[in-house]
Amino acid sequence: MEIVTLSLRVSGTALLFSTVIGIPLGVGLGLSRFLGRRLVIALLYTGMGFPPVVVGLFVYLMLSRSGPLGGLHSPLIPALFTPAAMVVAQCIIAFPLVAGFTMAAVMGVDPQLRQQVLSLGATRRQAALTVLMEARVGVVVSIIAGFGSIISEVGAVMMVGGNIEHRTRVLTTAIVLETRKGTFDLAIALSVVLLALSFLTNVLMLRLQGRTFDE
């Protein structure tokens, strides 16, 4: 239970930050046109394909004592081998997925809808919210995709968390550890729990989309 709780706390916090930042950015990129937009989208797509171990290495170098942030002592800057450092790594992994899929969902909405809402006197913010509601199914998928990418990730959290017992051990790192120890029964049990969490996440996605299994 300790491992499961920490896994949900770390991944849930990372997903929250990724959603708060990623959805507005995705909506903005999907609706606006500005100089350098294609470059931003290219960087976003590149981030969607980042290997997690590379993200872990980047965060490790940034937060290590010899790194640019390692010597700064502040509550806003996490230390290595803490849950906060794991949250940072998972945010970097999930954020491009949430923003990218949200942008794609918004771009899939009929452009005439926004023009019609604006012509009726709505502000740009109100028009953007209308488009976002129309694209809500794709936005929900983006959130679930972001959660799936981090709850099952092992490389980055292993590097920045250290897999310390009672402190930074999560489901994926515990599975790797128990497999290496030859404790396959516990490794399989943890794997079943991880699969169950993924299944429940997909059930939640269906509920949020307003669909049932019969459909």
Protein backbone atom coordinates (compact mmCIF):
# COMPACT_ATOMS: atom_id res chain seq x y z
CA MET A 1 0.00 0.00 0.00
CA GLU A 2 2.87 2.36 0.71
CA ILE A 3 4.28 1.81 -2.79
CA VAL A 4 0.89 2.15 -4.47
CA THR A 5 0.08 5.31 -2.54
CA LEU A 6 3.40 6.94 -3.41
CA SER A 7 3.00 5.96 -7.07
CA LEU A 8 -0.43 7.58 -7.26
CA ARG A 9 0.72 10.65 -5.34
CA VAL A 10 3.75 11.27 -7.54
CA SER A 11 2.02 10.54 -10.85
CA GLY A 12 -1.16 12.36 -9.81
CA THR A 13 0.74 15.49 -8.85
CA ALA A 14 2.78 15.38 -12.06
CA LEU A 15 -0.38 14.93 -14.12
CA LEU A 16 -2.05 17.86 -12.35
CA PHE A 17 0.79 20.24 -13.20
CA SER A 18 1.02 18.87 -16.76
CA THR A 19 -2.71 19.38 -17.26
CA VAL A 20 -2.79 22.89 -15.83
CA ILE A 21 0.04 23.95 -18.16
CA GLY A 22 -0.51 21.65 -21.13
CA ILE A 23 -4.20 22.19 -21.86
CA PRO A 24 -4.02 26.03 -22.13
CA LEU A 25 -0.90 25.74 -24.27
CA GLY A 26 -2.55 23.14 -26.52
CA VAL A 27 -5.63 25.32 -26.94
CA GLY A 28 -3.48 28.36 -27.69
CA LEU A 29 -1.45 26.54 -30.32
CA GLY A 30 -4.57 25.06 -31.86
CA LEU A 31 -6.43 28.36 -32.19
CA SER A 32 -3.78 31.05 -32.65
CA ARG A 33 -1.37 31.86 -35.45
CA PHE A 34 1.91 33.61 -34.69
CA LEU A 35 5.49 33.85 -35.87
CA GLY A 36 7.43 30.77 -34.79
CA ARG A 37 4.33 28.63 -34.24
CA ARG A 38 5.65 25.82 -36.40
CA LEU A 39 8.89 25.78 -34.42
CA VAL A 40 6.97 25.54 -31.15
CA ILE A 41 4.86 22.69 -32.53
CA ALA A 42 7.98 20.91 -33.77
CA LEU A 43 9.54 21.21 -30.30
CA LEU A 44 6.31 19.95 -28.75
CA TYR A 45 6.21 16.91 -31.04
CA THR A 46 9.85 16.24 -30.23
CA GLY A 47 9.00 16.32 -26.54
CA MET A 48 6.23 13.78 -27.12
CA GLY A 49 8.86 11.31 -28.26
CA PHE A 50 11.47 12.01 -25.58
CA PRO A 51 12.92 8.81 -24.13
CA PRO A 52 12.15 8.88 -20.39
CA VAL A 53 15.72 7.94 -19.51
CA VAL A 54 16.92 11.08 -21.31
CA VAL A 55 14.48 13.14 -19.27
CA GLY A 56 15.79 11.47 -16.13
CA LEU A 57 19.37 12.29 -17.08
CA PHE A 58 18.46 15.93 -17.76
CA VAL A 59 16.69 16.35 -14.41
CA TYR A 60 19.52 14.54 -12.61
CA LEU A 61 22.14 16.87 -14.11
CA MET A 62 20.05 19.95 -13.32
CA LEU A 63 19.43 19.01 -9.68
CA SER A 64 22.77 17.42 -8.84
CA ARG A 65 25.13 19.32 -6.57
CA SER A 66 27.33 20.27 -9.49
CA GLY A 67 24.34 21.24 -11.64
CA PRO A 68 22.92 24.74 -12.17
CA LEU A 69 20.09 24.20 -9.67
CA GLY A 70 21.83 21.88 -7.23
CA GLY A 71 23.50 24.65 -5.28
CA LEU A 72 20.33 26.68 -4.85
CA HIS A 73 18.51 26.05 -1.58
CA SER A 74 14.85 26.86 -2.06
CA PRO A 75 11.51 25.15 -1.31
CA LEU A 76 10.66 25.57 -5.00
CA ILE A 77 13.71 23.61 -6.15
CA PRO A 78 13.53 19.91 -5.24
CA ALA A 79 16.52 17.81 -4.28
CA LEU A 80 17.53 14.58 -5.93
CA PHE A 81 16.23 11.27 -4.57
CA THR A 82 12.98 12.81 -3.33
CA PRO A 83 9.39 12.43 -4.56
CA ALA A 84 9.50 16.07 -5.69
CA ALA A 85 12.33 15.32 -8.11
CA MET A 86 10.30 12.41 -9.48
CA VAL A 87 7.34 14.73 -9.99
CA VAL A 88 9.52 17.10 -12.01
CA ALA A 89 10.73 14.29 -14.26
CA GLN A 90 7.23 12.95 -14.81
CA CYS A 91 5.91 16.45 -15.56
CA ILE A 92 8.45 16.81 -18.37
CA ILE A 93 7.35 13.45 -19.76
CA ALA A 94 3.57 14.03 -19.57
CA PHE A 95 3.38 17.73 -20.43
CA PRO A 96 4.14 17.41 -24.19
CA LEU A 97 1.60 14.60 -24.54
CA VAL A 98 -1.18 16.57 -22.85
CA ALA A 99 -0.41 19.72 -24.84
CA GLY A 100 0.09 17.92 -28.16
CA PHE A 101 -3.08 15.83 -28.03
CA THR A 102 -5.09 18.81 -26.80
CA MET A 103 -3.82 20.87 -29.71
CA ALA A 104 -4.77 18.11 -32.17
CA ALA A 105 -8.25 17.83 -30.63
CA VAL A 106 -8.81 21.58 -30.83
CA MET A 107 -7.61 21.73 -34.43
CA GLY A 108 -10.09 18.97 -35.27
CA VAL A 109 -13.04 21.17 -34.30
CA ASP A 110 -14.80 22.95 -37.15
CA PRO A 111 -13.22 26.45 -37.42
CA GLN A 112 -16.61 27.92 -38.27
CA LEU A 113 -17.79 27.17 -34.73
CA ARG A 114 -15.36 29.67 -33.24
CA GLN A 115 -16.19 32.27 -35.88
CA GLN A 116 -19.90 31.84 -35.22
CA VAL A 117 -19.45 32.23 -31.46
CA LEU A 118 -17.34 35.36 -31.98
CA SER A 119 -19.92 36.82 -34.34
CA LEU A 120 -22.57 36.39 -31.62
CA GLY A 121 -20.58 38.69 -29.32
CA ALA A 122 -18.52 36.24 -27.33
CA THR A 123 -15.02 37.21 -26.20
CA ARG A 124 -11.99 35.32 -27.44
CA ARG A 125 -11.75 33.55 -24.10
CA GLN A 126 -15.37 32.46 -24.26
CA ALA A 127 -14.88 31.27 -27.83
CA ALA A 128 -11.81 29.28 -26.79
CA LEU A 129 -13.76 27.65 -23.94
CA THR A 130 -16.53 26.73 -26.39
CA VAL A 131 -14.05 25.06 -28.72
CA LEU A 132 -12.44 23.32 -25.75
CA MET A 133 -15.81 21.91 -24.67
CA GLU A 134 -16.42 20.69 -28.20
CA ALA A 135 -13.04 18.95 -28.16
CA ARG A 136 -13.45 17.58 -24.63
CA VAL A 137 -13.26 13.93 -25.73
CA GLY A 138 -9.82 14.48 -27.23
CA VAL A 139 -8.75 16.51 -24.20
CA VAL A 140 -9.75 13.68 -21.86
CA VAL A 141 -7.74 11.28 -24.03
CA SER A 142 -4.73 13.60 -23.74
CA ILE A 143 -4.95 13.52 -19.94
CA ILE A 144 -5.26 9.74 -19.86
CA ALA A 145 -2.34 9.39 -22.28
CA GLY A 146 -0.24 11.61 -20.04
CA PHE A 147 -1.13 9.56 -16.98
CA GLY A 148 -0.41 6.28 -18.76
CA SER A 149 2.99 7.50 -19.86
CA ILE A 150 4.13 8.33 -16.33
CA ILE A 151 2.45 5.69 -14.16
CA SER A 152 4.26 2.99 -16.18
CA GLU A 153 7.58 4.83 -16.50
CA VAL A 154 10.67 3.43 -14.78
CA GLY A 155 13.86 4.94 -16.23
CA ALA A 156 13.46 8.57 -15.17
CA VAL A 157 12.07 7.89 -11.70
CA MET A 158 14.82 5.36 -11.06
CA MET A 159 17.49 7.92 -11.92
CA VAL A 160 16.14 10.90 -9.98
CA GLY A 161 14.38 8.98 -7.20
CA GLY A 162 16.93 6.29 -6.47
CA ASN A 163 14.31 3.63 -5.58
CA ILE A 164 14.84 4.23 -1.85
CA GLU A 165 12.70 2.06 0.40
CA HIS A 166 9.96 3.94 2.27
CA ARG A 167 10.91 7.15 0.43
CA THR A 168 10.96 6.95 -3.37
CA ARG A 169 10.05 3.37 -4.25
CA VAL A 170 7.11 3.25 -6.67
CA LEU A 171 5.40 0.41 -8.49
CA THR A 172 7.62 0.29 -11.56
CA THR A 173 10.91 0.51 -9.69
CA ALA A 174 9.70 -2.05 -7.15
CA ILE A 175 8.86 -4.47 -9.97
CA VAL A 176 12.35 -4.10 -11.40
CA LEU A 177 13.93 -4.60 -7.98
CA GLU A 178 11.91 -7.70 -7.10
CA THR A 179 12.61 -9.21 -10.52
CA ARG A 180 16.33 -8.74 -10.05
CA LYS A 181 16.08 -10.33 -6.60
CA GLY A 182 14.24 -13.30 -8.05
CA THR A 183 11.11 -12.61 -6.00
CA PHE A 184 8.85 -13.20 -8.95
CA ASP A 185 5.66 -13.73 -6.94
CA LEU A 186 5.87 -10.21 -5.50
CA ALA A 187 6.93 -8.78 -8.86
CA ILE A 188 3.90 -10.38 -10.53
CA ALA A 189 1.60 -9.12 -7.77
CA LEU A 190 2.89 -5.56 -8.22
CA SER A 191 2.49 -5.92 -11.99
CA VAL A 192 -1.14 -6.95 -11.54
CA VAL A 193 -1.73 -3.88 -9.38
CA LEU A 194 -0.15 -1.66 -12.04
CA LEU A 195 -2.30 -3.23 -14.76
CA ALA A 196 -5.38 -2.78 -12.59
CA LEU A 197 -4.60 0.92 -12.16
CA SER A 198 -4.22 1.28 -15.94
CA PHE A 199 -7.54 -0.49 -16.49
CA LEU A 200 -9.33 1.71 -13.98
CA THR A 201 -7.84 4.75 -15.71
CA ASN A 202 -9.32 3.64 -19.03
CA VAL A 203 -12.69 3.02 -17.36
CA LEU A 204 -12.53 6.57 -16.02
CA MET A 205 -11.78 7.82 -19.54
CA LEU A 206 -14.90 6.11 -20.87
CA ARG A 207 -16.99 7.58 -18.08
CA LEU A 208 -15.69 11.09 -18.70
CA GLN A 209 -16.41 10.71 -22.39
CA GLY A 210 -19.99 9.80 -21.56
CA ARG A 211 -19.78 6.35 -23.12
CA THR A 212 -20.64 2.89 -21.88
CA PHE A 213 -19.14 -0.48 -22.59
CA ASP A 214 -22.23 -1.43 -24.61
CA GLU A 215 -21.39 1.27 -27.13
